[in-house]
Amino acid sequence: MYFEYYGLVKPPFEMTPDPSFLFLGEAHREGLATLVYGVKAGKGFVMLTGEVGTGKTTLLHALLGQLDSATKSAFIFNPRLTPLGFFRVLFEELDIKPMRNHKADYLLQLNEFLIERLGKNEKTLLIVDEAQNLSIEMLEEIRLLSNLETPRSKLIQIMLVGQPELKEMLRKPELRQLRQRIALSHHLRPFNEDETRDYVEDRLRRAGHTGGRIFKRGALRALYQISGGIPRVVNVLCDSALLMGFARDQKTIDAKMIREAAGDLDMIESSTLTENSGNLDHSAASKWWPTRGILRFFRQ
C-alpha cells in the first residue's frame, strides 16, 4: 500500500522472518555462531533464549540456511504435546513411517534411523521452540533422547529455544540432569540504539529505498526508546508510522509520528504524546509498554 509512495519495491517491515531481510546485531551474530558451532561440532544440547520478539525464529531460519543438505532437521513448536504425540510429530518431521504406536517402539525405530544416518555421516537436528511451555514430563522425555548415542558421538542434536522463563525452569531440582547436559547456551538481547537505527535503514535499503532519509534522527531515537530495541516491536512501529505518513502525504517520519503510532498501539500513555516527550526515558518505556498487553498479544 504505502511502500510505493516511499519509493520502495516491497514492504520493508513485514512480520514474517524473510531471509532476504536478515539483519544481525552483535548478539545475533554471536548467537548464530553458537548455534552453528553446536550443531556442526555435535555438542548435543544447545539452548537459545530471548524475550518475545527479539528474533529467535529469525535466527533459527538463518541457522537452517547455513546447514548443508546432510543435516536433517525437525522443527517442533507445539509445547502442549503428550509424549506419544511428540514422537508422532517428530517422526512426521523426519519423514519416518512409524511401524507401531507405542513409545518404546518409537524409540527403537528412531535409534535405528539415527544410526543409519550416522553411518552415512549425516547429522540430525531437533529444534524445540517455545520450550518454556513444556511440562517437566516432556522435558524429561527430550532429555532421554540424548541417551541415543554411540561411544563416540551423539546420534541427535537437540536445540531448546524459548523465553527467559526456560532458564528458570531448568533451575528446578528435578531438571538438574537436563541442565547439566546443556553444552552451549546463548541469550539473545535486543538491539542497542545504533543497531536499531542500522536495522531500520538496512530494511529500507533491502526494500528498494535509494533516496534520502525517511526516518529522521529524532524518530529513530524515539523508536529505540519506545521499542527497547526489540525487532518485532520496531517493525510494528515503523509500519504504523509509514502508513500514517502516507495518509498525511508526509515523505519523512519524525519523532512525534513515532510517538503517535506508539500511542495508537497502546505502547505509551497518551500523556507522553507531546512535543516535549523527546526525552522519554528508555528504561521506563521498556518496562511500561509490556504491561499494556502488547507482549501478551505477540505471544498468541
C-alpha atoms as a PDB file:
ATOM      1  CA  MET A   1       0.000   0.000   0.000  1.00  0.00           C
ATOM      2  CA  TYR A   2       2.336   2.738   1.257  1.00  0.00           C
ATOM      3  CA  PHE A   3       5.637   1.288   0.062  1.00  0.00           C
ATOM      4  CA  GLU A   4       5.311   2.635  -3.496  1.00  0.00           C
ATOM      5  CA  TYR A   5       4.721   6.121  -2.052  1.00  0.00           C
ATOM      6  CA  TYR A   6       8.155   5.954  -0.389  1.00  0.00           C
ATOM      7  CA  GLY A   7       9.898   4.579  -3.492  1.00  0.00           C
ATOM      8  CA  LEU A   8      10.079   1.007  -2.208  1.00  0.00           C
ATOM      9  CA  VAL A   9       9.563  -2.140  -4.252  1.00  0.00           C
ATOM     10  CA  LYS A  10       8.181  -4.238  -1.391  1.00  0.00           C
ATOM     11  CA  PRO A  11       7.000  -3.786   2.212  1.00  0.00           C
ATOM     12  CA  PRO A  12      10.039  -3.251   4.465  1.00  0.00           C
ATOM     13  CA  PHE A  13       8.612  -4.171   7.862  1.00  0.00           C
ATOM     14  CA  GLU A  14       6.668  -7.391   7.429  1.00  0.00           C
ATOM     15  CA  MET A  15       6.362  -9.636  10.490  1.00  0.00           C
ATOM     16  CA  THR A  16       7.409 -12.853   8.741  1.00  0.00           C
ATOM     17  CA  PRO A  17      11.104 -13.891   9.057  1.00  0.00           C
ATOM     18  CA  ASP A  18      12.060 -13.223   5.420  1.00  0.00           C
ATOM     19  CA  PRO A  19      15.694 -14.397   4.872  1.00  0.00           C
ATOM     20  CA  SER A  20      16.229 -11.600   2.339  1.00  0.00           C
ATOM     21  CA  PHE A  21      15.806  -9.085   5.197  1.00  0.00           C
ATOM     22  CA  LEU A  22      18.203 -10.816   7.591  1.00  0.00           C
ATOM     23  CA  PHE A  23      19.995  -8.313   9.820  1.00  0.00           C
ATOM     24  CA  LEU A  24      22.292  -9.475  12.599  1.00  0.00           C
ATOM     25  CA  GLY A  25      23.181  -7.296  15.551  1.00  0.00           C
ATOM     26  CA  GLU A  26      26.162  -8.243  17.696  1.00  0.00           C
ATOM     27  CA  ALA A  27      24.129 -10.554  19.950  1.00  0.00           C
ATOM     28  CA  HIS A  28      22.508 -12.133  16.893  1.00  0.00           C
ATOM     29  CA  ARG A  29      25.863 -12.775  15.207  1.00  0.00           C
ATOM     30  CA  GLU A  30      27.192 -14.364  18.389  1.00  0.00           C
ATOM     31  CA  GLY A  31      24.018 -16.400  18.746  1.00  0.00           C
ATOM     32  CA  LEU A  32      24.146 -17.670  15.177  1.00  0.00           C
ATOM     33  CA  ALA A  33      27.803 -18.627  15.551  1.00  0.00           C
ATOM     34  CA  THR A  34      26.956 -20.513  18.759  1.00  0.00           C
ATOM     35  CA  LEU A  35      24.099 -22.426  17.130  1.00  0.00           C
ATOM     36  CA  VAL A  36      26.070 -23.334  14.009  1.00  0.00           C
ATOM     37  CA  TYR A  37      29.038 -24.488  16.074  1.00  0.00           C
ATOM     38  CA  GLY A  38      26.801 -26.510  18.404  1.00  0.00           C
ATOM     39  CA  VAL A  39      25.272 -28.429  15.501  1.00  0.00           C
ATOM     40  CA  LYS A  40      28.426 -28.944  13.433  1.00  0.00           C
ATOM     41  CA  ALA A  41      30.532 -29.947  16.439  1.00  0.00           C
ATOM     42  CA  GLY A  42      27.877 -32.376  17.674  1.00  0.00           C
ATOM     43  CA  LYS A  43      27.547 -30.798  21.115  1.00  0.00           C
ATOM     44  CA  GLY A  44      24.269 -32.499  21.977  1.00  0.00           C
ATOM     45  CA  PHE A  45      22.091 -29.993  23.818  1.00  0.00           C
ATOM     46  CA  VAL A  46      22.135 -26.292  22.891  1.00  0.00           C
ATOM     47  CA  MET A  47      19.836 -23.636  24.383  1.00  0.00           C
ATOM     48  CA  LEU A  48      18.748 -20.307  22.886  1.00  0.00           C
ATOM     49  CA  THR A  49      16.713 -17.861  24.982  1.00  0.00           C
ATOM     50  CA  GLY A  50      15.429 -14.350  24.427  1.00  0.00           C
ATOM     51  CA  GLU A  51      12.490 -12.102  25.179  1.00  0.00           C
ATOM     52  CA  VAL A  52       9.419 -12.095  22.969  1.00  0.00           C
ATOM     53  CA  GLY A  53      10.168 -10.510  19.586  1.00  0.00           C
ATOM     54  CA  THR A  54      13.962 -10.403  19.871  1.00  0.00           C
ATOM     55  CA  GLY A  55      14.450 -12.523  16.737  1.00  0.00           C
ATOM     56  CA  LYS A  56      14.813 -16.127  17.919  1.00  0.00           C
ATOM     57  CA  THR A  57      12.797 -17.516  14.999  1.00  0.00           C
ATOM     58  CA  THR A  58      14.721 -15.353  12.531  1.00  0.00           C
ATOM     59  CA  LEU A  59      17.964 -16.712  13.960  1.00  0.00           C
ATOM     60  CA  LEU A  60      16.730 -20.297  13.612  1.00  0.00           C
ATOM     61  CA  HIS A  61      15.899 -19.714   9.942  1.00  0.00           C
ATOM     62  CA  ALA A  62      19.382 -18.255   9.468  1.00  0.00           C
ATOM     63  CA  LEU A  63      20.839 -21.359  11.133  1.00  0.00           C
ATOM     64  CA  LEU A  64      18.917 -23.724   8.868  1.00  0.00           C
ATOM     65  CA  GLY A  65      20.142 -21.718   5.879  1.00  0.00           C
ATOM     66  CA  GLN A  66      23.756 -22.364   6.898  1.00  0.00           C
ATOM     67  CA  LEU A  67      23.434 -26.124   7.381  1.00  0.00           C
ATOM     68  CA  ASP A  68      24.284 -28.417   4.483  1.00  0.00           C
ATOM     69  CA  SER A  69      21.971 -30.943   2.894  1.00  0.00           C
ATOM     70  CA  ALA A  70      23.487 -33.735   5.013  1.00  0.00           C
ATOM     71  CA  THR A  71      21.789 -32.261   8.102  1.00  0.00           C
ATOM     72  CA  LYS A  72      18.137 -33.190   8.516  1.00  0.00           C
ATOM     73  CA  SER A  73      16.117 -31.007  10.874  1.00  0.00           C
ATOM     74  CA  ALA A  74      12.856 -31.452  12.764  1.00  0.00           C
ATOM     75  CA  PHE A  75      11.104 -28.300  13.999  1.00  0.00           C
ATOM     76  CA  ILE A  76       8.588 -28.776  16.815  1.00  0.00           C
ATOM     77  CA  PHE A  77       6.740 -25.679  18.001  1.00  0.00           C
ATOM     78  CA  ASN A  78       3.736 -27.149  19.833  1.00  0.00           C
ATOM     79  CA  PRO A  79       4.746 -27.389  23.513  1.00  0.00           C
ATOM     80  CA  ARG A  80       1.417 -28.906  24.582  1.00  0.00           C
ATOM     81  CA  LEU A  81       2.085 -32.317  23.068  1.00  0.00           C
ATOM     82  CA  THR A  82       1.868 -35.541  25.039  1.00  0.00           C
ATOM     83  CA  PRO A  83       4.944 -37.795  24.910  1.00  0.00           C
ATOM     84  CA  LEU A  84       3.297 -40.034  22.310  1.00  0.00           C
ATOM     85  CA  GLY A  85       2.096 -37.008  20.338  1.00  0.00           C
ATOM     86  CA  PHE A  86       5.629 -35.640  20.450  1.00  0.00           C
ATOM     87  CA  PHE A  87       7.042 -38.779  18.838  1.00  0.00           C
ATOM     88  CA  ARG A  88       4.336 -38.744  16.174  1.00  0.00           C
ATOM     89  CA  VAL A  89       5.214 -35.172  15.212  1.00  0.00           C
ATOM     90  CA  LEU A  90       8.944 -35.916  15.364  1.00  0.00           C
ATOM     91  CA  PHE A  91       8.538 -38.885  13.016  1.00  0.00           C
ATOM     92  CA  GLU A  92       6.462 -36.796  10.634  1.00  0.00           C
ATOM     93  CA  GLU A  93       9.128 -34.071  10.613  1.00  0.00           C
ATOM     94  CA  LEU A  94      11.876 -36.634   9.931  1.00  0.00           C
ATOM     95  CA  ASP A  95       9.820 -38.434   7.272  1.00  0.00           C
ATOM     96  CA  ILE A  96       9.805 -41.695   9.216  1.00  0.00           C
ATOM     97  CA  LYS A  97       6.822 -44.002   8.862  1.00  0.00           C
ATOM     98  CA  PRO A  98       6.145 -45.460  12.341  1.00  0.00           C
ATOM     99  CA  MET A  99       5.895 -49.240  12.463  1.00  0.00           C
ATOM    100  CA  ARG A 100       3.950 -49.344  15.741  1.00  0.00           C
ATOM    101  CA  ASN A 101       2.197 -46.911  18.064  1.00  0.00           C
ATOM    102  CA  HIS A 102       3.991 -47.446  21.399  1.00  0.00           C
ATOM    103  CA  LYS A 103       6.664 -45.170  22.824  1.00  0.00           C
ATOM    104  CA  ALA A 104       9.210 -47.973  23.189  1.00  0.00           C
ATOM    105  CA  ASP A 105       8.727 -48.901  19.542  1.00  0.00           C
ATOM    106  CA  TYR A 106       9.157 -45.272  18.506  1.00  0.00           C
ATOM    107  CA  LEU A 107      12.451 -45.093  20.397  1.00  0.00           C
ATOM    108  CA  LEU A 108      13.792 -48.319  18.875  1.00  0.00           C
ATOM    109  CA  GLN A 109      12.852 -47.228  15.371  1.00  0.00           C
ATOM    110  CA  LEU A 110      14.285 -43.747  15.916  1.00  0.00           C
ATOM    111  CA  ASN A 111      17.545 -45.221  17.191  1.00  0.00           C
ATOM    112  CA  GLU A 112      17.862 -47.394  14.064  1.00  0.00           C
ATOM    113  CA  PHE A 113      17.082 -44.399  11.836  1.00  0.00           C
ATOM    114  CA  LEU A 114      19.718 -42.226  13.542  1.00  0.00           C
ATOM    115  CA  ILE A 115      22.396 -44.926  13.463  1.00  0.00           C
ATOM    116  CA  GLU A 116      21.784 -45.389   9.739  1.00  0.00           C
ATOM    117  CA  ARG A 117      22.199 -41.649   9.175  1.00  0.00           C
ATOM    118  CA  LEU A 118      25.344 -41.513  11.284  1.00  0.00           C
ATOM    119  CA  GLY A 119      26.804 -44.324   9.191  1.00  0.00           C
ATOM    120  CA  LYS A 120      26.380 -42.056   6.159  1.00  0.00           C
ATOM    121  CA  ASN A 121      27.956 -39.127   8.041  1.00  0.00           C
ATOM    122  CA  GLU A 122      24.598 -37.322   8.162  1.00  0.00           C
ATOM    123  CA  LYS A 123      23.506 -35.217  11.138  1.00  0.00           C
ATOM    124  CA  THR A 124      20.018 -34.946  12.640  1.00  0.00           C
ATOM    125  CA  LEU A 125      18.823 -31.828  14.433  1.00  0.00           C
ATOM    126  CA  LEU A 126      15.748 -31.453  16.640  1.00  0.00           C
ATOM    127  CA  ILE A 127      14.621 -27.867  17.358  1.00  0.00           C
ATOM    128  CA  VAL A 128      12.005 -27.436  20.085  1.00  0.00           C
ATOM    129  CA  ASP A 129      10.526 -23.925  20.055  1.00  0.00           C
ATOM    130  CA  GLU A 130       8.548 -22.293  22.898  1.00  0.00           C
ATOM    131  CA  ALA A 131      10.311 -24.741  25.205  1.00  0.00           C
ATOM    132  CA  GLN A 132       9.459 -22.674  28.296  1.00  0.00           C
ATOM    133  CA  ASN A 133       5.906 -24.023  27.949  1.00  0.00           C
ATOM    134  CA  LEU A 134       6.938 -27.676  28.027  1.00  0.00           C
ATOM    135  CA  SER A 135       5.919 -29.757  31.006  1.00  0.00           C
ATOM    136  CA  ILE A 136       8.604 -31.289  33.209  1.00  0.00           C
ATOM    137  CA  GLU A 137       7.476 -34.661  31.871  1.00  0.00           C
ATOM    138  CA  MET A 138       8.098 -33.584  28.273  1.00  0.00           C
ATOM    139  CA  LEU A 139      11.464 -32.013  29.084  1.00  0.00           C
ATOM    140  CA  GLU A 140      12.476 -35.304  30.660  1.00  0.00           C
ATOM    141  CA  GLU A 141      11.358 -37.179  27.523  1.00  0.00           C
ATOM    142  CA  ILE A 142      13.516 -34.870  25.410  1.00  0.00           C
ATOM    143  CA  ARG A 143      16.461 -35.362  27.762  1.00  0.00           C
ATOM    144  CA  LEU A 144      16.190 -39.111  27.347  1.00  0.00           C
ATOM    145  CA  LEU A 145      16.650 -38.676  23.599  1.00  0.00           C
ATOM    146  CA  SER A 146      20.206 -37.595  24.349  1.00  0.00           C
ATOM    147  CA  ASN A 147      20.836 -41.163  25.543  1.00  0.00           C
ATOM    148  CA  LEU A 148      20.709 -42.183  21.888  1.00  0.00           C
ATOM    149  CA  GLU A 149      24.431 -42.198  21.221  1.00  0.00           C
ATOM    150  CA  THR A 150      27.423 -44.233  20.210  1.00  0.00           C
ATOM    151  CA  PRO A 151      30.662 -44.369  22.229  1.00  0.00           C
ATOM    152  CA  ARG A 152      31.991 -41.548  20.033  1.00  0.00           C
ATOM    153  CA  SER A 153      29.107 -39.224  19.235  1.00  0.00           C
ATOM    154  CA  LYS A 154      25.522 -38.176  19.855  1.00  0.00           C
ATOM    155  CA  LEU A 155      23.004 -39.510  17.380  1.00  0.00           C
ATOM    156  CA  ILE A 156      20.813 -36.413  17.519  1.00  0.00           C
ATOM    157  CA  GLN A 157      21.487 -32.736  18.229  1.00  0.00           C
ATOM    158  CA  ILE A 158      18.804 -31.064  20.337  1.00  0.00           C
ATOM    159  CA  MET A 159      18.129 -27.320  20.479  1.00  0.00           C
ATOM    160  CA  LEU A 160      15.811 -25.852  23.122  1.00  0.00           C
ATOM    161  CA  VAL A 161      14.506 -22.407  22.205  1.00  0.00           C
ATOM    162  CA  GLY A 162      12.376 -20.256  24.476  1.00  0.00           C
ATOM    163  CA  GLN A 163      11.777 -17.170  26.534  1.00  0.00           C
ATOM    164  CA  PRO A 164      13.857 -16.354  29.651  1.00  0.00           C
ATOM    165  CA  GLU A 165      11.463 -18.440  31.759  1.00  0.00           C
ATOM    166  CA  LEU A 166      13.121 -21.506  30.228  1.00  0.00           C
ATOM    167  CA  LYS A 167      16.267 -20.759  32.225  1.00  0.00           C
ATOM    168  CA  GLU A 168      14.197 -20.524  35.395  1.00  0.00           C
ATOM    169  CA  MET A 169      12.565 -23.870  34.666  1.00  0.00           C
ATOM    170  CA  LEU A 170      15.904 -25.583  34.262  1.00  0.00           C
ATOM    171  CA  ARG A 171      16.941 -24.447  37.739  1.00  0.00           C
ATOM    172  CA  LYS A 172      14.355 -26.795  39.233  1.00  0.00           C
ATOM    173  CA  PRO A 173      15.986 -29.719  41.095  1.00  0.00           C
ATOM    174  CA  GLU A 174      14.042 -32.307  39.100  1.00  0.00           C
ATOM    175  CA  LEU A 175      15.557 -30.952  35.868  1.00  0.00           C
ATOM    176  CA  ARG A 176      19.170 -30.855  37.030  1.00  0.00           C
ATOM    177  CA  GLN A 177      20.132 -33.764  34.747  1.00  0.00           C
ATOM    178  CA  LEU A 178      18.874 -31.851  31.716  1.00  0.00           C
ATOM    179  CA  ARG A 179      20.554 -28.634  32.861  1.00  0.00           C
ATOM    180  CA  GLN A 180      23.893 -30.444  33.200  1.00  0.00           C
ATOM    181  CA  ARG A 181      23.648 -31.739  29.632  1.00  0.00           C
ATOM    182  CA  ILE A 182      23.350 -28.314  28.001  1.00  0.00           C
ATOM    183  CA  ALA A 183      26.726 -27.808  26.361  1.00  0.00           C
ATOM    184  CA  LEU A 184      26.127 -24.348  24.869  1.00  0.00           C
ATOM    185  CA  SER A 185      23.714 -21.547  25.735  1.00  0.00           C
ATOM    186  CA  HIS A 186      23.076 -18.079  24.310  1.00  0.00           C
ATOM    187  CA  HIS A 187      20.709 -15.338  25.448  1.00  0.00           C
ATOM    188  CA  LEU A 188      19.527 -13.052  22.655  1.00  0.00           C
ATOM    189  CA  ARG A 189      19.372  -9.453  23.840  1.00  0.00           C
ATOM    190  CA  PRO A 190      17.501  -6.671  21.996  1.00  0.00           C
ATOM    191  CA  PHE A 191      19.308  -4.233  19.686  1.00  0.00           C
ATOM    192  CA  ASN A 192      21.136  -1.268  21.162  1.00  0.00           C
ATOM    193  CA  GLU A 193      20.364   2.202  19.793  1.00  0.00           C
ATOM    194  CA  ASP A 194      22.917   2.084  16.970  1.00  0.00           C
ATOM    195  CA  GLU A 195      21.760  -1.390  15.935  1.00  0.00           C
ATOM    196  CA  THR A 196      18.128  -0.237  15.940  1.00  0.00           C
ATOM    197  CA  ARG A 197      18.995   2.620  13.570  1.00  0.00           C
ATOM    198  CA  ASP A 198      21.051   0.340  11.323  1.00  0.00           C
ATOM    199  CA  TYR A 199      18.272  -2.262  11.350  1.00  0.00           C
ATOM    200  CA  VAL A 200      15.657   0.226  10.137  1.00  0.00           C
ATOM    201  CA  GLU A 201      17.894   1.678   7.436  1.00  0.00           C
ATOM    202  CA  ASP A 202      19.027  -1.776   6.300  1.00  0.00           C
ATOM    203  CA  ARG A 203      15.442  -2.991   5.875  1.00  0.00           C
ATOM    204  CA  LEU A 204      14.554   0.112   3.892  1.00  0.00           C
ATOM    205  CA  ARG A 205      17.521  -0.464   1.574  1.00  0.00           C
ATOM    206  CA  ARG A 206      16.580  -4.112   1.084  1.00  0.00           C
ATOM    207  CA  ALA A 207      13.047  -2.997   0.259  1.00  0.00           C
ATOM    208  CA  GLY A 208      14.434  -0.860  -2.569  1.00  0.00           C
ATOM    209  CA  HIS A 209      14.887   2.577  -0.991  1.00  0.00           C
ATOM    210  CA  THR A 210      17.615   4.614  -2.688  1.00  0.00           C
ATOM    211  CA  GLY A 211      16.623   8.192  -1.858  1.00  0.00           C
ATOM    212  CA  GLY A 212      17.105  10.429   1.156  1.00  0.00           C
ATOM    213  CA  ARG A 213      16.361   9.714   4.779  1.00  0.00           C
ATOM    214  CA  ILE A 214      12.790   8.579   5.541  1.00  0.00           C
ATOM    215  CA  PHE A 215      13.088   8.360   9.342  1.00  0.00           C
ATOM    216  CA  LYS A 216      14.566  11.475  10.904  1.00  0.00           C
ATOM    217  CA  ARG A 217      17.218  11.044  13.593  1.00  0.00           C
ATOM    218  CA  GLY A 218      14.759  12.088  16.283  1.00  0.00           C
ATOM    219  CA  ALA A 219      12.306   9.478  15.002  1.00  0.00           C
ATOM    220  CA  LEU A 220      14.949   6.779  15.254  1.00  0.00           C
ATOM    221  CA  ARG A 221      15.769   7.858  18.819  1.00  0.00           C
ATOM    222  CA  ALA A 222      12.102   7.754  19.795  1.00  0.00           C
ATOM    223  CA  LEU A 223      11.762   4.404  18.066  1.00  0.00           C
ATOM    224  CA  TYR A 224      14.543   2.924  20.187  1.00  0.00           C
ATOM    225  CA  GLN A 225      13.280   4.500  23.408  1.00  0.00           C
ATOM    226  CA  ILE A 226       9.801   3.086  22.947  1.00  0.00           C
ATOM    227  CA  SER A 227      10.651  -0.312  21.450  1.00  0.00           C
ATOM    228  CA  GLY A 228      13.596  -1.074  23.714  1.00  0.00           C
ATOM    229  CA  GLY A 229      15.364  -2.368  20.592  1.00  0.00           C
ATOM    230  CA  ILE A 230      13.036  -5.373  20.208  1.00  0.00           C
ATOM    231  CA  PRO A 231      12.946  -6.084  16.445  1.00  0.00           C
ATOM    232  CA  ARG A 232       9.314  -7.178  16.293  1.00  0.00           C
ATOM    233  CA  VAL A 233       8.152  -4.007  18.042  1.00  0.00           C
ATOM    234  CA  VAL A 234      10.405  -1.895  15.798  1.00  0.00           C
ATOM    235  CA  ASN A 235       8.675  -3.465  12.782  1.00  0.00           C
ATOM    236  CA  VAL A 236       5.205  -2.743  14.160  1.00  0.00           C
ATOM    237  CA  LEU A 237       6.031   0.880  14.962  1.00  0.00           C
ATOM    238  CA  CYS A 238       7.776   1.567  11.646  1.00  0.00           C
ATOM    239  CA  ASP A 239       4.956   0.007   9.653  1.00  0.00           C
ATOM    240  CA  SER A 240       2.360   2.052  11.533  1.00  0.00           C
ATOM    241  CA  ALA A 241       4.360   5.289  11.193  1.00  0.00           C
ATOM    242  CA  LEU A 242       4.887   4.819   7.452  1.00  0.00           C
ATOM    243  CA  LEU A 243       1.179   4.196   6.960  1.00  0.00           C
ATOM    244  CA  MET A 244       0.481   7.367   8.950  1.00  0.00           C
ATOM    245  CA  GLY A 245       2.931   9.346   6.798  1.00  0.00           C
ATOM    246  CA  PHE A 246       1.321   8.009   3.624  1.00  0.00           C
ATOM    247  CA  ALA A 247      -2.138   9.022   4.838  1.00  0.00           C
ATOM    248  CA  ARG A 248      -0.846  12.539   5.664  1.00  0.00           C
ATOM    249  CA  ASP A 249       1.242  12.872   2.490  1.00  0.00           C
ATOM    250  CA  GLN A 250       4.467  13.228   4.517  1.00  0.00           C
ATOM    251  CA  LYS A 251       7.622  11.818   2.962  1.00  0.00           C
ATOM    252  CA  THR A 252       9.599  11.817   6.223  1.00  0.00           C
ATOM    253  CA  ILE A 253       8.780  10.369   9.646  1.00  0.00           C
ATOM    254  CA  ASP A 254       9.542  12.446  12.735  1.00  0.00           C
ATOM    255  CA  ALA A 255       9.618  11.609  16.451  1.00  0.00           C
ATOM    256  CA  LYS A 256       6.098  12.885  17.020  1.00  0.00           C
ATOM    257  CA  MET A 257       4.712  10.431  14.476  1.00  0.00           C
ATOM    258  CA  ILE A 258       6.561   7.551  16.140  1.00  0.00           C
ATOM    259  CA  ARG A 259       5.048   8.514  19.490  1.00  0.00           C
ATOM    260  CA  GLU A 260       1.609   8.839  17.924  1.00  0.00           C
ATOM    261  CA  ALA A 261       1.952   5.364  16.415  1.00  0.00           C
ATOM    262  CA  ALA A 262       3.029   4.038  19.808  1.00  0.00           C
ATOM    263  CA  GLY A 263       0.050   5.700  21.433  1.00  0.00           C
ATOM    264  CA  ASP A 264      -2.329   4.169  18.891  1.00  0.00           C
ATOM    265  CA  LEU A 265      -0.843   0.767  19.710  1.00  0.00           C
ATOM    266  CA  ASP A 266      -1.091   1.364  23.478  1.00  0.00           C
ATOM    267  CA  MET A 267       2.682   1.166  23.887  1.00  0.00           C
ATOM    268  CA  ILE A 268       2.862   4.511  25.701  1.00  0.00           C
ATOM    269  CA  GLU A 269       0.314   6.612  27.555  1.00  0.00           C
ATOM    270  CA  SER A 270      -1.379   9.450  25.712  1.00  0.00           C
ATOM    271  CA  SER A 271       0.124  11.925  28.207  1.00  0.00           C
ATOM    272  CA  THR A 272       3.547  11.373  26.603  1.00  0.00           C
ATOM    273  CA  LEU A 273       2.351  12.417  23.139  1.00  0.00           C
ATOM    274  CA  THR A 274       3.612  15.983  23.303  1.00  0.00           C
ATOM    275  CA  GLU A 275       6.356  17.961  21.629  1.00  0.00           C
ATOM    276  CA  ASN A 276       8.366  17.762  24.848  1.00  0.00           C
ATOM    277  CA  SER A 277       8.324  13.985  25.104  1.00  0.00           C
ATOM    278  CA  GLY A 278      11.547  13.509  23.177  1.00  0.00           C
ATOM    279  CA  ASN A 279      13.305  12.746  26.438  1.00  0.00           C
ATOM    280  CA  LEU A 280      11.175   9.690  27.098  1.00  0.00           C
ATOM    281  CA  ASP A 281      13.193   7.509  29.442  1.00  0.00           C
ATOM    282  CA  HIS A 282      14.185   4.289  27.670  1.00  0.00           C
ATOM    283  CA  SER A 283      14.146   2.124  30.784  1.00  0.00           C
ATOM    284  CA  ALA A 284      10.770   3.444  31.879  1.00  0.00           C
ATOM    285  CA  ALA A 285       9.280   2.945  28.420  1.00  0.00           C
ATOM    286  CA  SER A 286      10.628  -0.575  28.020  1.00  0.00           C
ATOM    287  CA  LYS A 287       9.217  -1.545  31.409  1.00  0.00           C
ATOM    288  CA  TRP A 288       5.880   0.109  30.816  1.00  0.00           C
ATOM    289  CA  TRP A 289       4.670  -0.997  27.401  1.00  0.00           C
ATOM    290  CA  PRO A 290       4.586  -4.792  28.008  1.00  0.00           C
ATOM    291  CA  THR A 291       2.068  -4.237  30.812  1.00  0.00           C
ATOM    292  CA  ARG A 292      -0.356  -2.817  28.274  1.00  0.00           C
ATOM    293  CA  GLY A 293      -0.831  -6.254  26.755  1.00  0.00           C
ATOM    294  CA  ILE A 294       1.497  -5.961  23.781  1.00  0.00           C
ATOM    295  CA  LEU A 295       3.658  -8.869  24.919  1.00  0.00           C
ATOM    296  CA  ARG A 296       0.591 -10.983  25.591  1.00  0.00           C
ATOM    297  CA  PHE A 297      -0.630 -10.120  22.080  1.00  0.00           C
ATOM    298  CA  PHE A 298       2.631 -11.222  20.491  1.00  0.00           C
ATOM    299  CA  ARG A 299       2.673 -14.493  22.464  1.00  0.00           C
ATOM    300  CA  GLN A 300      -0.627 -15.577  20.951  1.00  0.00           C
END
